Structure formats: structure tokens, C-alpha cells
């Protein structure tokens, strides 16, 4: 596949799959999946802090609880989807352990460090 030729095809309205088929033949396809089990989901798009709630907070709490099994300084949390004082303290402890600014706020760098450590301690990487 040639970079500028693929750009030209895109400019002419070709879709991603049409560009791939142009270069590699009609047997090309793009597989997709609704959900990949066990793989942490991506950054929620904004910081999680006291008062935040929902599925992303629940995921964060579950991951911190798993990490706490290997890092007992991190307190275990109720997985309730509510980012309260205890969640903020657990995040702050995590940040201290992993040399992040200890704010208690789950910002972009903290979210991905939690995901990275979670994958390591939960052995997801070995299952793939």
C-alpha cells in the first residue's frame, strides 16, 4: 500500500475497506466486535473526581480492587459506581505508589496507569 495513493483514494471518497481491497484484493475484510472481554475500556474523556458516577467509576473501582490484591496499601472499595472520598483516597494512594501527582483525581495519565497495572496483575495479557 502506498501512502499518498491511499490518501488520494480517500479524497475520492473510497472507504477504508475499499482502499484496502484496492491494494490487496476483494478477500480483505474488517472484523469488528461489540466487546472484547476482560480488556479495560478507554479513557472516559474527562477527569473522574468526587461527585462523578457511572460505569467508568465502577470499572475504576473494580480495577483498583484487583490491583489492591498485589498492592495492599491501596484500600479496597465498594464497587458502587460513585466516586466518593474513599475512591479518591484509593486513587491518591495508587498515584503515590506509581509516582504520579497525588491528587486523588483520575486524570488521563492515572486512568492509563491503572489500566496498565490492572492488566499486569490480573494476567489478562497472558490470556491474549
C-alpha atoms as a PDB file:
ATOM      1  CA  UNK A   1       0.000   0.000   0.000  1.00  0.00           C
ATOM      2  CA  UNK A   2       1.377   3.390  -0.919  1.00  0.00           C
ATOM      3  CA  UNK A   3       0.682   6.273   1.457  1.00  0.00           C
ATOM      4  CA  UNK A   4      -0.094   9.054  -0.985  1.00  0.00           C
ATOM      5  CA  UNK A   5      -2.077   6.853  -3.316  1.00  0.00           C
ATOM      6  CA  UNK A   6      -4.250   5.705  -0.408  1.00  0.00           C
ATOM      7  CA  UNK A   7      -4.766   9.358   0.556  1.00  0.00           C
ATOM      8  CA  UNK A   8      -5.830  10.157  -2.986  1.00  0.00           C
ATOM      9  CA  UNK A   9      -8.337   7.283  -2.897  1.00  0.00           C
ATOM     10  CA  UNK A  10      -9.679   8.590   0.424  1.00  0.00           C
ATOM     11  CA  UNK A  11     -10.019  12.065  -1.065  1.00  0.00           C
ATOM     12  CA  UNK A  12     -12.016  10.500  -3.912  1.00  0.00           C
ATOM     13  CA  UNK A  13     -14.490   9.043  -1.414  1.00  0.00           C
ATOM     14  CA  UNK A  14     -13.195   5.486  -1.029  1.00  0.00           C
ATOM     15  CA  UNK A  15     -13.943   3.922   2.364  1.00  0.00           C
ATOM     16  CA  UNK A  16     -11.213   2.252   4.442  1.00  0.00           C
ATOM     17  CA  UNK A  17     -12.244  -1.216   3.262  1.00  0.00           C
ATOM     18  CA  UNK A  18     -12.402  -0.088  -0.361  1.00  0.00           C
ATOM     19  CA  UNK A  19      -8.854   1.273  -0.098  1.00  0.00           C
ATOM     20  CA  UNK A  20      -7.627  -1.987   1.422  1.00  0.00           C
ATOM     21  CA  UNK A  21      -9.343  -4.010  -1.310  1.00  0.00           C
ATOM     22  CA  UNK A  22      -7.851  -1.736  -3.979  1.00  0.00           C
ATOM     23  CA  UNK A  23      -4.368  -2.728  -2.837  1.00  0.00           C
ATOM     24  CA  UNK A  24      -4.904  -6.270  -1.514  1.00  0.00           C
ATOM     25  CA  UNK A  25      -7.908  -7.716  -3.337  1.00  0.00           C
ATOM     26  CA  UNK A  26     -11.554  -8.395  -2.639  1.00  0.00           C
ATOM     27  CA  UNK A  27     -10.905 -11.036   0.003  1.00  0.00           C
ATOM     28  CA  UNK A  28      -9.995  -8.326   2.523  1.00  0.00           C
ATOM     29  CA  UNK A  29     -12.453  -7.608   5.321  1.00  0.00           C
ATOM     30  CA  UNK A  30     -12.567  -5.686   8.573  1.00  0.00           C
ATOM     31  CA  UNK A  31     -13.633  -7.733  11.572  1.00  0.00           C
ATOM     32  CA  UNK A  32     -15.346  -5.950  14.418  1.00  0.00           C
ATOM     33  CA  UNK A  33     -16.641  -6.895  17.809  1.00  0.00           C
ATOM     34  CA  UNK A  34     -19.160  -5.379  20.180  1.00  0.00           C
ATOM     35  CA  UNK A  35     -16.956  -6.016  23.214  1.00  0.00           C
ATOM     36  CA  UNK A  36     -13.664  -7.698  23.957  1.00  0.00           C
ATOM     37  CA  UNK A  37     -13.984  -9.460  27.277  1.00  0.00           C
ATOM     38  CA  UNK A  38     -11.546  -8.536  30.023  1.00  0.00           C
ATOM     39  CA  UNK A  39      -9.786  -5.707  28.231  1.00  0.00           C
ATOM     40  CA  UNK A  40     -10.047  -2.403  30.083  1.00  0.00           C
ATOM     41  CA  UNK A  41     -12.016   0.213  28.203  1.00  0.00           C
ATOM     42  CA  UNK A  42     -10.629   3.517  27.125  1.00  0.00           C
ATOM     43  CA  UNK A  43     -10.371   6.882  28.840  1.00  0.00           C
ATOM     44  CA  UNK A  44     -13.816   8.284  29.688  1.00  0.00           C
ATOM     45  CA  UNK A  45     -12.983  11.652  28.104  1.00  0.00           C
ATOM     46  CA  UNK A  46     -12.913  13.737  31.269  1.00  0.00           C
ATOM     47  CA  UNK A  47     -11.382  13.514  34.721  1.00  0.00           C
ATOM     48  CA  UNK A  48     -13.151  11.386  37.306  1.00  0.00           C
ATOM     49  CA  UNK A  49     -13.353  13.105  40.679  1.00  0.00           C
ATOM     50  CA  UNK A  50     -15.542  13.319  43.764  1.00  0.00           C
ATOM     51  CA  UNK A  51     -19.130  13.503  42.530  1.00  0.00           C
ATOM     52  CA  UNK A  52     -18.522  11.507  39.330  1.00  0.00           C
ATOM     53  CA  UNK A  53     -20.644   8.405  38.877  1.00  0.00           C
ATOM     54  CA  UNK A  54     -21.484   5.683  36.416  1.00  0.00           C
ATOM     55  CA  UNK A  55     -19.969   2.709  34.644  1.00  0.00           C
ATOM     56  CA  UNK A  56     -16.491   4.226  34.253  1.00  0.00           C
ATOM     57  CA  UNK A  57     -16.288   4.843  38.004  1.00  0.00           C
ATOM     58  CA  UNK A  58     -17.473   1.274  38.633  1.00  0.00           C
ATOM     59  CA  UNK A  59     -14.763  -0.021  36.270  1.00  0.00           C
ATOM     60  CA  UNK A  60     -12.143   2.105  38.040  1.00  0.00           C
ATOM     61  CA  UNK A  61     -13.235   0.750  41.432  1.00  0.00           C
ATOM     62  CA  UNK A  62     -13.121  -2.860  40.200  1.00  0.00           C
ATOM     63  CA  UNK A  63      -9.665  -2.376  38.730  1.00  0.00           C
ATOM     64  CA  UNK A  64      -8.349  -0.708  41.889  1.00  0.00           C
ATOM     65  CA  UNK A  65      -9.692  -3.603  43.962  1.00  0.00           C
ATOM     66  CA  UNK A  66      -7.861  -6.087  41.745  1.00  0.00           C
ATOM     67  CA  UNK A  67      -4.665  -4.022  41.948  1.00  0.00           C
ATOM     68  CA  UNK A  68      -5.059  -3.811  45.749  1.00  0.00           C
ATOM     69  CA  UNK A  69      -4.571  -7.589  45.875  1.00  0.00           C
ATOM     70  CA  UNK A  70      -0.970  -7.052  44.754  1.00  0.00           C
ATOM     71  CA  UNK A  71      -0.516  -3.622  46.374  1.00  0.00           C
ATOM     72  CA  UNK A  72      -2.152  -3.857  49.820  1.00  0.00           C
ATOM     73  CA  UNK A  73      -1.555  -0.178  50.646  1.00  0.00           C
ATOM     74  CA  UNK A  74      -4.414   0.585  48.241  1.00  0.00           C
ATOM     75  CA  UNK A  75      -7.673   0.292  50.191  1.00  0.00           C
ATOM     76  CA  UNK A  76     -10.428  -1.964  48.872  1.00  0.00           C
ATOM     77  CA  UNK A  77     -13.545  -0.157  47.675  1.00  0.00           C
ATOM     78  CA  UNK A  78     -17.262  -0.755  47.485  1.00  0.00           C
ATOM     79  CA  UNK A  79     -17.980  -1.092  43.761  1.00  0.00           C
ATOM     80  CA  UNK A  80     -20.954   1.231  43.645  1.00  0.00           C
ATOM     81  CA  UNK A  81     -20.113   3.499  40.694  1.00  0.00           C
ATOM     82  CA  UNK A  82     -19.924   6.585  42.928  1.00  0.00           C
ATOM     83  CA  UNK A  83     -16.631   8.483  43.134  1.00  0.00           C
ATOM     84  CA  UNK A  84     -16.637   9.440  46.780  1.00  0.00           C
ATOM     85  CA  UNK A  85     -13.980  10.233  49.355  1.00  0.00           C
ATOM     86  CA  UNK A  86     -12.858   6.578  49.687  1.00  0.00           C
ATOM     87  CA  UNK A  87     -12.391   6.227  45.913  1.00  0.00           C
ATOM     88  CA  UNK A  88     -10.421   9.478  45.841  1.00  0.00           C
ATOM     89  CA  UNK A  89      -8.193   8.206  48.674  1.00  0.00           C
ATOM     90  CA  UNK A  90      -7.592   4.892  46.885  1.00  0.00           C
ATOM     91  CA  UNK A  91      -6.691   6.773  43.707  1.00  0.00           C
ATOM     92  CA  UNK A  92      -4.366   9.066  45.669  1.00  0.00           C
ATOM     93  CA  UNK A  93      -2.604   6.064  47.228  1.00  0.00           C
ATOM     94  CA  UNK A  94      -2.260   4.478  43.784  1.00  0.00           C
ATOM     95  CA  UNK A  95      -0.804   7.710  42.428  1.00  0.00           C
ATOM     96  CA  UNK A  96       1.733   7.871  45.273  1.00  0.00           C
ATOM     97  CA  UNK A  97       2.838   4.271  44.702  1.00  0.00           C
ATOM     98  CA  UNK A  98       3.294   4.803  40.960  1.00  0.00           C
ATOM     99  CA  UNK A  99       4.913   8.255  41.147  1.00  0.00           C
ATOM    100  CA  UNK A 100       2.016  10.218  39.687  1.00  0.00           C
ATOM    101  CA  UNK A 101       0.854  13.570  41.073  1.00  0.00           C
ATOM    102  CA  UNK A 102      -1.148  12.524  44.159  1.00  0.00           C
ATOM    103  CA  UNK A 103      -4.351  14.492  43.575  1.00  0.00           C
ATOM    104  CA  UNK A 104      -6.986  11.805  44.101  1.00  0.00           C
ATOM    105  CA  UNK A 105      -8.403  12.750  40.686  1.00  0.00           C
ATOM    106  CA  UNK A 106      -8.393  10.129  37.947  1.00  0.00           C
ATOM    107  CA  UNK A 107      -6.977  12.109  35.058  1.00  0.00           C
ATOM    108  CA  UNK A 108      -5.761  10.762  31.721  1.00  0.00           C
ATOM    109  CA  UNK A 109      -2.293   9.591  32.925  1.00  0.00           C
ATOM    110  CA  UNK A 110      -3.785   7.988  36.046  1.00  0.00           C
ATOM    111  CA  UNK A 111      -6.512   6.180  34.075  1.00  0.00           C
ATOM    112  CA  UNK A 112      -3.976   4.566  31.744  1.00  0.00           C
ATOM    113  CA  UNK A 113      -1.536   3.701  34.527  1.00  0.00           C
ATOM    114  CA  UNK A 114      -4.368   1.976  36.385  1.00  0.00           C
ATOM    115  CA  UNK A 115      -5.279   0.108  33.179  1.00  0.00           C
ATOM    116  CA  UNK A 116      -1.632  -0.889  32.637  1.00  0.00           C
ATOM    117  CA  UNK A 117      -1.154  -2.174  36.185  1.00  0.00           C
ATOM    118  CA  UNK A 118      -4.552  -3.895  36.150  1.00  0.00           C
ATOM    119  CA  UNK A 119      -3.630  -5.837  33.025  1.00  0.00           C
ATOM    120  CA  UNK A 120      -0.366  -6.877  34.658  1.00  0.00           C
ATOM    121  CA  UNK A 121      -1.783  -8.014  37.988  1.00  0.00           C
ATOM    122  CA  UNK A 122      -4.904  -9.650  36.542  1.00  0.00           C
ATOM    123  CA  UNK A 123      -2.834 -11.584  33.978  1.00  0.00           C
ATOM    124  CA  UNK A 124      -5.113 -10.524  31.109  1.00  0.00           C
ATOM    125  CA  UNK A 125      -2.040 -10.091  28.926  1.00  0.00           C
ATOM    126  CA  UNK A 126      -1.215 -13.800  29.307  1.00  0.00           C
ATOM    127  CA  UNK A 127      -4.680 -14.802  28.086  1.00  0.00           C
ATOM    128  CA  UNK A 128      -4.423 -12.997  24.777  1.00  0.00           C
END
